[in-house]
Amino acid sequence: MTAASDRPTALLASPTEAANEAEAELRGLYDFVPLGDAEQIIALGGDGFLLQTLHDMLEGERILPIFGMNLGTIGFLMNEWRTDGLRERLDGARAFTVAPLRMEALTTAGERVGHPAINEVSLLRETRQTAWIEVSVNERVVLPQLVCDGVLVATPAGSTAYNLSAQGPILPLGSNLVALTPISPFRPRRWRGALIPDDLRILFRVIDPTKRPVSAVADQLEVRDVASVTVSVDRSLELTLLFDPWHTLDERITTEQFSS
């Protein structure tokens, strides 16, 4: 067997039958190293598994480049699954750097919770009562009262996920923007969101959190009963995704804008 790449490479797979079968096939063709000895990772699965692997690295001591191969459903952040030419694909892959968001939430009980988000940070109403949220950008109030089911901040990498479903814009990589998108807004009726430079801080203050409780979600982590949430881009935790030269993330994001 030959090494999968010139760089020591670890192989991870999601706990699905398809991903486990693919892992066994690759291990029969190539040599891999333990994760602790690796300089890069191959992740087999779907977008959810890739995001979980990225979060595991953010919570650990080492952040490694990841080359994902799609064995999930959509695989927007993944490369094509196949076994041939893996060494050439890895050594010729293009690297894209993405910076996660940082959520700092303060609950009504006074607890402070910080967590990174690769796709988005969203605020969501907890009951049938609509949420009332004040929105500030760099300490300037831009919306005194947003009446809605919720509101989210999405990165370019996450702009084609929940943000797009909420009618938010698709952001190209390198745009240095985040999308501020309301979820089912009631007031102001004509406000459909904004594009915010990614070096600014966004503050959400929940108005009447007792009667109208709101939760905050950073990707998969939920914090209930928040009083305020600050969101900013954390460039100290930059992540690297690897893509085949002919199938890069920026091209996929551009193409998605013309999809029906």
C-alpha atoms as a PDB file:
ATOM      1  CA  MET A   1       0.000   0.000   0.000  1.00  0.00           C
ATOM      2  CA  THR A   2       1.053   3.601  -0.567  1.00  0.00           C
ATOM      3  CA  ALA A   3       0.566   6.642   1.614  1.00  0.00           C
ATOM      4  CA  ALA A   4      -2.575   8.600   0.861  1.00  0.00           C
ATOM      5  CA  SER A   5      -0.545  11.813   0.528  1.00  0.00           C
ATOM      6  CA  ASP A   6       2.896  13.321   0.927  1.00  0.00           C
ATOM      7  CA  ARG A   7       1.559  14.694   4.213  1.00  0.00           C
ATOM      8  CA  PRO A   8       0.627  12.301   7.055  1.00  0.00           C
ATOM      9  CA  THR A   9      -3.119  11.809   6.722  1.00  0.00           C
ATOM     10  CA  ALA A  10      -5.752  10.542   9.161  1.00  0.00           C
ATOM     11  CA  LEU A  11      -9.021   8.953   8.048  1.00  0.00           C
ATOM     12  CA  LEU A  12     -12.312   9.555   9.892  1.00  0.00           C
ATOM     13  CA  ALA A  13     -15.776   8.255   9.002  1.00  0.00           C
ATOM     14  CA  SER A  14     -19.293   9.020  10.168  1.00  0.00           C
ATOM     15  CA  PRO A  15     -21.152   6.180  11.936  1.00  0.00           C
ATOM     16  CA  THR A  16     -23.178   5.164   8.869  1.00  0.00           C
ATOM     17  CA  GLU A  17     -23.016   1.948   6.900  1.00  0.00           C
ATOM     18  CA  ALA A  18     -21.963   3.703   3.684  1.00  0.00           C
ATOM     19  CA  ALA A  19     -19.190   5.672   5.389  1.00  0.00           C
ATOM     20  CA  ASN A  20     -17.903   2.609   7.258  1.00  0.00           C
ATOM     21  CA  GLU A  21     -17.771   0.577   4.059  1.00  0.00           C
ATOM     22  CA  ALA A  22     -15.914   3.398   2.327  1.00  0.00           C
ATOM     23  CA  GLU A  23     -13.467   3.634   5.211  1.00  0.00           C
ATOM     24  CA  ALA A  24     -12.709  -0.084   5.003  1.00  0.00           C
ATOM     25  CA  GLU A  25     -12.158   0.196   1.243  1.00  0.00           C
ATOM     26  CA  LEU A  26      -9.748   3.130   1.573  1.00  0.00           C
ATOM     27  CA  ARG A  27      -7.799   1.481   4.397  1.00  0.00           C
ATOM     28  CA  GLY A  28      -7.310  -1.505   2.098  1.00  0.00           C
ATOM     29  CA  LEU A  29      -5.767   0.710  -0.566  1.00  0.00           C
ATOM     30  CA  TYR A  30      -3.798   3.371   1.323  1.00  0.00           C
ATOM     31  CA  ASP A  31      -1.799   3.844   4.502  1.00  0.00           C
ATOM     32  CA  PHE A  32      -3.131   6.308   7.077  1.00  0.00           C
ATOM     33  CA  VAL A  33      -1.734   7.551  10.376  1.00  0.00           C
ATOM     34  CA  PRO A  34      -3.406   8.013  13.774  1.00  0.00           C
ATOM     35  CA  LEU A  35      -5.104  11.360  14.258  1.00  0.00           C
ATOM     36  CA  GLY A  36      -2.462  12.507  16.730  1.00  0.00           C
ATOM     37  CA  ASP A  37       0.271  12.082  14.101  1.00  0.00           C
ATOM     38  CA  ALA A  38      -1.644  13.607  11.179  1.00  0.00           C
ATOM     39  CA  GLU A  39      -1.121  16.881   9.345  1.00  0.00           C
ATOM     40  CA  GLN A  40      -4.454  16.652   7.525  1.00  0.00           C
ATOM     41  CA  ILE A  41      -7.722  14.697   7.708  1.00  0.00           C
ATOM     42  CA  ILE A  42      -9.975  12.890   5.258  1.00  0.00           C
ATOM     43  CA  ALA A  43     -13.576  12.938   6.526  1.00  0.00           C
ATOM     44  CA  LEU A  44     -16.089  10.467   5.056  1.00  0.00           C
ATOM     45  CA  GLY A  45     -19.739  11.376   5.498  1.00  0.00           C
ATOM     46  CA  GLY A  46     -22.031  14.330   4.929  1.00  0.00           C
ATOM     47  CA  ASP A  47     -21.961  18.026   5.738  1.00  0.00           C
ATOM     48  CA  GLY A  48     -23.111  17.346   9.298  1.00  0.00           C
ATOM     49  CA  PHE A  49     -20.200  15.008   9.994  1.00  0.00           C
ATOM     50  CA  LEU A  50     -17.754  17.494   8.506  1.00  0.00           C
ATOM     51  CA  LEU A  51     -19.103  20.269  10.723  1.00  0.00           C
ATOM     52  CA  GLN A  52     -18.904  18.010  13.781  1.00  0.00           C
ATOM     53  CA  THR A  53     -15.281  17.162  12.938  1.00  0.00           C
ATOM     54  CA  LEU A  54     -14.482  20.869  12.620  1.00  0.00           C
ATOM     55  CA  HIS A  55     -16.129  21.565  15.987  1.00  0.00           C
ATOM     56  CA  ASP A  56     -14.179  18.730  17.603  1.00  0.00           C
ATOM     57  CA  MET A  57     -10.971  20.391  16.417  1.00  0.00           C
ATOM     58  CA  LEU A  58     -12.073  23.807  17.687  1.00  0.00           C
ATOM     59  CA  GLU A  59     -12.534  22.263  21.111  1.00  0.00           C
ATOM     60  CA  GLY A  60      -9.198  20.426  20.950  1.00  0.00           C
ATOM     61  CA  GLU A  61      -5.564  21.506  20.725  1.00  0.00           C
ATOM     62  CA  ARG A  62      -4.896  21.098  16.987  1.00  0.00           C
ATOM     63  CA  ILE A  63      -6.717  22.466  13.946  1.00  0.00           C
ATOM     64  CA  LEU A  64      -5.920  20.475  10.788  1.00  0.00           C
ATOM     65  CA  PRO A  65      -6.975  20.891   7.144  1.00  0.00           C
ATOM     66  CA  ILE A  66      -9.908  18.645   6.181  1.00  0.00           C
ATOM     67  CA  PHE A  67     -10.668  16.998   2.826  1.00  0.00           C
ATOM     68  CA  GLY A  68     -14.261  15.774   2.944  1.00  0.00           C
ATOM     69  CA  MET A  69     -15.682  13.104   0.648  1.00  0.00           C
ATOM     70  CA  ASN A  70     -19.432  12.898   0.323  1.00  0.00           C
ATOM     71  CA  LEU A  71     -21.176   9.814   1.650  1.00  0.00           C
ATOM     72  CA  GLY A  72     -24.137  11.753   2.980  1.00  0.00           C
ATOM     73  CA  THR A  73     -27.162  13.407   1.403  1.00  0.00           C
ATOM     74  CA  ILE A  74     -26.292  16.840  -0.006  1.00  0.00           C
ATOM     75  CA  GLY A  75     -22.571  17.157   0.641  1.00  0.00           C
ATOM     76  CA  PHE A  76     -22.346  20.848  -0.186  1.00  0.00           C
ATOM     77  CA  LEU A  77     -19.041  21.152   1.671  1.00  0.00           C
ATOM     78  CA  MET A  78     -17.717  17.813   0.418  1.00  0.00           C
ATOM     79  CA  ASN A  79     -15.718  16.493  -2.518  1.00  0.00           C
ATOM     80  CA  GLU A  80     -16.810  13.612  -4.725  1.00  0.00           C
ATOM     81  CA  TRP A  81     -16.422  10.121  -3.246  1.00  0.00           C
ATOM     82  CA  ARG A  82     -14.098   7.853  -5.179  1.00  0.00           C
ATOM     83  CA  THR A  83     -11.030   5.772  -4.368  1.00  0.00           C
ATOM     84  CA  ASP A  84      -8.743   6.279  -7.362  1.00  0.00           C
ATOM     85  CA  GLY A  85      -6.110   9.009  -7.525  1.00  0.00           C
ATOM     86  CA  LEU A  86      -6.466   9.950  -3.865  1.00  0.00           C
ATOM     87  CA  ARG A  87      -2.808  10.878  -3.461  1.00  0.00           C
ATOM     88  CA  GLU A  88      -2.943  13.248  -6.444  1.00  0.00           C
ATOM     89  CA  ARG A  89      -6.220  14.753  -5.261  1.00  0.00           C
ATOM     90  CA  LEU A  90      -4.915  15.482  -1.775  1.00  0.00           C
ATOM     91  CA  ASP A  91      -1.549  16.851  -2.868  1.00  0.00           C
ATOM     92  CA  GLY A  92      -3.209  19.055  -5.495  1.00  0.00           C
ATOM     93  CA  ALA A  93      -6.162  20.206  -3.392  1.00  0.00           C
ATOM     94  CA  ARG A  94      -6.993  23.897  -3.060  1.00  0.00           C
ATOM     95  CA  ALA A  95      -7.260  25.270   0.459  1.00  0.00           C
ATOM     96  CA  PHE A  96     -10.034  27.592   1.601  1.00  0.00           C
ATOM     97  CA  THR A  97      -9.868  29.288   4.976  1.00  0.00           C
ATOM     98  CA  VAL A  98     -13.072  30.018   6.871  1.00  0.00           C
ATOM     99  CA  ALA A  99     -13.333  31.903  10.160  1.00  0.00           C
ATOM    100  CA  PRO A 100     -16.105  30.825  12.543  1.00  0.00           C
ATOM    101  CA  LEU A 101     -18.468  33.092  14.398  1.00  0.00           C
ATOM    102  CA  ARG A 102     -18.166  33.513  18.140  1.00  0.00           C
ATOM    103  CA  MET A 103     -21.407  33.584  20.144  1.00  0.00           C
ATOM    104  CA  GLU A 104     -21.340  35.134  23.617  1.00  0.00           C
ATOM    105  CA  ALA A 105     -24.712  34.609  25.266  1.00  0.00           C
ATOM    106  CA  LEU A 106     -25.947  35.987  28.593  1.00  0.00           C
ATOM    107  CA  THR A 107     -28.936  34.162  30.075  1.00  0.00           C
ATOM    108  CA  THR A 108     -31.675  35.677  32.201  1.00  0.00           C
ATOM    109  CA  ALA A 109     -30.152  33.772  35.144  1.00  0.00           C
ATOM    110  CA  GLY A 110     -26.839  35.568  34.656  1.00  0.00           C
ATOM    111  CA  GLU A 111     -24.923  32.640  33.096  1.00  0.00           C
ATOM    112  CA  ARG A 112     -22.453  33.470  30.310  1.00  0.00           C
ATOM    113  CA  VAL A 113     -21.927  30.928  27.515  1.00  0.00           C
ATOM    114  CA  GLY A 114     -19.440  31.269  24.662  1.00  0.00           C
ATOM    115  CA  HIS A 115     -19.342  28.947  21.658  1.00  0.00           C
ATOM    116  CA  PRO A 116     -18.068  28.991  18.049  1.00  0.00           C
ATOM    117  CA  ALA A 117     -20.352  28.563  15.052  1.00  0.00           C
ATOM    118  CA  ILE A 118     -19.159  27.610  11.584  1.00  0.00           C
ATOM    119  CA  ASN A 119     -22.506  28.050   9.809  1.00  0.00           C
ATOM    120  CA  GLU A 120     -24.652  30.443  11.825  1.00  0.00           C
ATOM    121  CA  VAL A 121     -25.806  31.789  15.154  1.00  0.00           C
ATOM    122  CA  SER A 122     -29.587  31.966  15.395  1.00  0.00           C
ATOM    123  CA  LEU A 123     -32.018  33.367  17.949  1.00  0.00           C
ATOM    124  CA  LEU A 124     -35.380  31.591  18.076  1.00  0.00           C
ATOM    125  CA  ARG A 125     -38.599  32.148  20.014  1.00  0.00           C
ATOM    126  CA  GLU A 126     -39.259  29.445  22.610  1.00  0.00           C
ATOM    127  CA  THR A 127     -43.062  29.760  22.860  1.00  0.00           C
ATOM    128  CA  ARG A 128     -46.026  30.833  20.750  1.00  0.00           C
ATOM    129  CA  GLN A 129     -45.207  34.450  21.614  1.00  0.00           C
ATOM    130  CA  THR A 130     -43.217  36.267  18.952  1.00  0.00           C
ATOM    131  CA  ALA A 131     -39.728  37.393  19.905  1.00  0.00           C
ATOM    132  CA  TRP A 132     -39.018  41.085  20.444  1.00  0.00           C
ATOM    133  CA  ILE A 133     -35.349  41.767  19.786  1.00  0.00           C
ATOM    134  CA  GLU A 134     -33.290  44.950  19.724  1.00  0.00           C
ATOM    135  CA  VAL A 135     -30.422  44.797  17.203  1.00  0.00           C
ATOM    136  CA  SER A 136     -27.212  46.824  17.509  1.00  0.00           C
ATOM    137  CA  VAL A 137     -24.122  46.916  15.293  1.00  0.00           C
ATOM    138  CA  ASN A 138     -20.917  48.172  16.905  1.00  0.00           C
ATOM    139  CA  GLU A 139     -22.926  49.558  19.842  1.00  0.00           C
ATOM    140  CA  ARG A 140     -25.295  51.523  17.609  1.00  0.00           C
ATOM    141  CA  VAL A 141     -28.943  50.470  17.693  1.00  0.00           C
ATOM    142  CA  VAL A 142     -30.036  49.765  14.112  1.00  0.00           C
ATOM    143  CA  LEU A 143     -33.389  48.114  14.912  1.00  0.00           C
ATOM    144  CA  PRO A 144     -35.052  49.199  18.176  1.00  0.00           C
ATOM    145  CA  GLN A 145     -37.605  46.397  17.947  1.00  0.00           C
ATOM    146  CA  LEU A 146     -37.555  43.428  15.575  1.00  0.00           C
ATOM    147  CA  VAL A 147     -40.759  41.404  16.005  1.00  0.00           C
ATOM    148  CA  CYS A 148     -40.153  37.951  14.557  1.00  0.00           C
ATOM    149  CA  ASP A 149     -39.868  34.218  15.023  1.00  0.00           C
ATOM    150  CA  GLY A 150     -36.115  34.722  15.157  1.00  0.00           C
ATOM    151  CA  VAL A 151     -33.014  36.167  13.535  1.00  0.00           C
ATOM    152  CA  LEU A 152     -29.680  34.704  12.479  1.00  0.00           C
ATOM    153  CA  VAL A 153     -26.132  35.651  11.539  1.00  0.00           C
ATOM    154  CA  ALA A 154     -24.562  33.444   8.840  1.00  0.00           C
ATOM    155  CA  THR A 155     -21.016  33.094   7.539  1.00  0.00           C
ATOM    156  CA  PRO A 156     -20.340  32.768   3.787  1.00  0.00           C
ATOM    157  CA  ALA A 157     -19.745  29.016   4.270  1.00  0.00           C
ATOM    158  CA  GLY A 158     -23.088  28.750   6.088  1.00  0.00           C
ATOM    159  CA  SER A 159     -25.049  31.151   3.900  1.00  0.00           C
ATOM    160  CA  THR A 160     -26.434  28.306   1.746  1.00  0.00           C
ATOM    161  CA  ALA A 161     -27.831  26.439   4.775  1.00  0.00           C
ATOM    162  CA  TYR A 162     -30.446  27.762   7.257  1.00  0.00           C
ATOM    163  CA  ASN A 163     -29.809  31.319   6.073  1.00  0.00           C
ATOM    164  CA  LEU A 164     -30.882  30.489   2.504  1.00  0.00           C
ATOM    165  CA  SER A 165     -33.990  28.700   3.780  1.00  0.00           C
ATOM    166  CA  ALA A 166     -34.900  31.922   5.623  1.00  0.00           C
ATOM    167  CA  GLN A 167     -34.595  33.859   2.313  1.00  0.00           C
ATOM    168  CA  GLY A 168     -31.184  35.239   3.221  1.00  0.00           C
ATOM    169  CA  PRO A 169     -28.499  36.038   0.621  1.00  0.00           C
ATOM    170  CA  ILE A 170     -25.772  33.676  -0.574  1.00  0.00           C
ATOM    171  CA  LEU A 171     -22.355  35.128   0.298  1.00  0.00           C
ATOM    172  CA  PRO A 172     -19.246  34.322  -1.768  1.00  0.00           C
ATOM    173  CA  LEU A 173     -16.140  33.305   0.128  1.00  0.00           C
ATOM    174  CA  GLY A 174     -13.799  36.234   0.555  1.00  0.00           C
ATOM    175  CA  SER A 175     -16.663  38.727   0.644  1.00  0.00           C
ATOM    176  CA  ASN A 176     -15.716  39.731   4.230  1.00  0.00           C
ATOM    177  CA  LEU A 177     -19.410  39.897   5.053  1.00  0.00           C
ATOM    178  CA  VAL A 178     -21.903  38.101   7.258  1.00  0.00           C
ATOM    179  CA  ALA A 179     -25.632  37.877   6.565  1.00  0.00           C
ATOM    180  CA  LEU A 180     -28.050  39.248   9.149  1.00  0.00           C
ATOM    181  CA  THR A 181     -31.351  37.573   8.275  1.00  0.00           C
ATOM    182  CA  PRO A 182     -34.739  37.705  10.038  1.00  0.00           C
ATOM    183  CA  ILE A 183     -36.881  34.588  10.429  1.00  0.00           C
ATOM    184  CA  SER A 184     -40.558  35.263   9.700  1.00  0.00           C
ATOM    185  CA  PRO A 185     -40.370  38.992  10.527  1.00  0.00           C
ATOM    186  CA  PHE A 186     -43.623  40.759  11.458  1.00  0.00           C
ATOM    187  CA  ARG A 187     -42.260  44.235  12.251  1.00  0.00           C
ATOM    188  CA  PRO A 188     -40.705  46.048  10.486  1.00  0.00           C
ATOM    189  CA  ARG A 189     -42.636  44.405   7.661  1.00  0.00           C
ATOM    190  CA  ARG A 190     -40.349  45.437   4.822  1.00  0.00           C
ATOM    191  CA  TRP A 191     -37.032  44.608   6.484  1.00  0.00           C
ATOM    192  CA  ARG A 192     -35.529  41.494   4.902  1.00  0.00           C
ATOM    193  CA  GLY A 193     -32.061  41.576   6.414  1.00  0.00           C
ATOM    194  CA  ALA A 194     -28.684  43.222   5.936  1.00  0.00           C
ATOM    195  CA  LEU A 195     -25.100  42.519   4.937  1.00  0.00           C
ATOM    196  CA  ILE A 196     -22.646  43.377   7.715  1.00  0.00           C
ATOM    197  CA  PRO A 197     -18.835  43.729   7.398  1.00  0.00           C
ATOM    198  CA  ASP A 198     -17.329  40.803   9.278  1.00  0.00           C
ATOM    199  CA  ASP A 199     -15.118  42.980  11.473  1.00  0.00           C
ATOM    200  CA  LEU A 200     -18.161  44.450  13.274  1.00  0.00           C
ATOM    201  CA  ARG A 201     -19.922  43.129  16.382  1.00  0.00           C
ATOM    202  CA  ILE A 202     -23.646  42.419  16.385  1.00  0.00           C
ATOM    203  CA  LEU A 203     -25.584  42.594  19.651  1.00  0.00           C
ATOM    204  CA  PHE A 204     -29.065  41.172  20.134  1.00  0.00           C
ATOM    205  CA  ARG A 205     -30.955  42.257  23.257  1.00  0.00           C
ATOM    206  CA  VAL A 206     -34.136  40.350  24.057  1.00  0.00           C
ATOM    207  CA  ILE A 207     -37.007  42.651  24.992  1.00  0.00           C
ATOM    208  CA  ASP A 208     -39.248  41.191  27.729  1.00  0.00           C
ATOM    209  CA  PRO A 209     -37.468  37.807  27.949  1.00  0.00           C
ATOM    210  CA  THR A 210     -39.837  36.581  30.664  1.00  0.00           C
ATOM    211  CA  LYS A 211     -43.005  36.865  28.583  1.00  0.00           C
ATOM    212  CA  ARG A 212     -41.232  36.269  25.262  1.00  0.00           C
ATOM    213  CA  PRO A 213     -38.370  33.814  25.939  1.00  0.00           C
ATOM    214  CA  VAL A 214     -35.717  33.310  23.279  1.00  0.00           C
ATOM    215  CA  SER A 215     -33.047  30.654  22.796  1.00  0.00           C
ATOM    216  CA  ALA A 216     -29.716  31.103  21.011  1.00  0.00           C
ATOM    217  CA  VAL A 217     -28.172  28.362  18.860  1.00  0.00           C
ATOM    218  CA  ALA A 218     -24.540  28.281  17.680  1.00  0.00           C
ATOM    219  CA  ASP A 219     -24.639  25.565  15.006  1.00  0.00           C
ATOM    220  CA  GLN A 220     -25.751  22.643  17.228  1.00  0.00           C
ATOM    221  CA  LEU A 221     -25.368  24.148  20.726  1.00  0.00           C
ATOM    222  CA  GLU A 222     -28.539  25.687  22.192  1.00  0.00           C
ATOM    223  CA  VAL A 223     -28.674  28.128  25.096  1.00  0.00           C
ATOM    224  CA  ARG A 224     -32.161  28.668  26.528  1.00  0.00           C
ATOM    225  CA  ASP A 225     -33.651  31.858  27.970  1.00  0.00           C
ATOM    226  CA  VAL A 226     -31.091  34.369  26.744  1.00  0.00           C
ATOM    227  CA  ALA A 227     -31.154  38.031  27.715  1.00  0.00           C
ATOM    228  CA  SER A 228     -28.562  39.145  25.159  1.00  0.00           C
ATOM    229  CA  VAL A 229     -26.284  37.623  22.533  1.00  0.00           C
ATOM    230  CA  THR A 230     -23.149  39.101  20.945  1.00  0.00           C
ATOM    231  CA  VAL A 231     -21.887  37.709  17.637  1.00  0.00           C
ATOM    232  CA  SER A 232     -18.549  38.424  15.975  1.00  0.00           C
ATOM    233  CA  VAL A 233     -16.107  36.678  13.635  1.00  0.00           C
ATOM    234  CA  ASP A 234     -13.271  34.935  15.490  1.00  0.00           C
ATOM    235  CA  ARG A 235     -10.175  35.016  13.260  1.00  0.00           C
ATOM    236  CA  SER A 236      -8.071  33.326  15.926  1.00  0.00           C
ATOM    237  CA  LEU A 237      -9.828  30.040  15.073  1.00  0.00           C
ATOM    238  CA  GLU A 238      -9.510  29.888  11.291  1.00  0.00           C
ATOM    239  CA  LEU A 239     -10.354  26.533   9.684  1.00  0.00           C
ATOM    240  CA  THR A 240      -9.055  25.090   6.412  1.00  0.00           C
ATOM    241  CA  LEU A 241     -11.182  23.078   3.979  1.00  0.00           C
ATOM    242  CA  LEU A 242      -9.516  21.243   1.088  1.00  0.00           C
ATOM    243  CA  PHE A 243     -11.197  20.884  -2.302  1.00  0.00           C
ATOM    244  CA  ASP A 244     -10.447  19.315  -5.639  1.00  0.00           C
ATOM    245  CA  PRO A 245      -9.146  22.018  -8.009  1.00  0.00           C
ATOM    246  CA  TRP A 246     -12.080  21.419 -10.364  1.00  0.00           C
ATOM    247  CA  HIS A 247     -14.753  21.474  -7.670  1.00  0.00           C
ATOM    248  CA  THR A 248     -14.088  24.331  -5.278  1.00  0.00           C
ATOM    249  CA  LEU A 249     -16.357  25.826  -2.643  1.00  0.00           C
ATOM    250  CA  ASP A 250     -16.389  29.344  -4.074  1.00  0.00           C
ATOM    251  CA  GLU A 251     -17.590  27.990  -7.432  1.00  0.00           C
ATOM    252  CA  ARG A 252     -20.298  25.942  -5.726  1.00  0.00           C
ATOM    253  CA  ILE A 253     -21.517  28.986  -3.816  1.00  0.00           C
ATOM    254  CA  THR A 254     -21.607  31.051  -7.024  1.00  0.00           C
ATOM    255  CA  THR A 255     -23.480  28.322  -8.900  1.00  0.00           C
ATOM    256  CA  GLU A 256     -26.002  27.940  -6.072  1.00  0.00           C
ATOM    257  CA  GLN A 257     -27.242  31.486  -6.728  1.00  0.00           C
ATOM    258  CA  PHE A 258     -28.652  30.297 -10.074  1.00  0.00           C
ATOM    259  CA  SER A 259     -30.309  27.145  -8.738  1.00  0.00           C
ATOM    260  CA  SER A 260     -34.068  26.859  -8.729  1.00  0.00           C
END
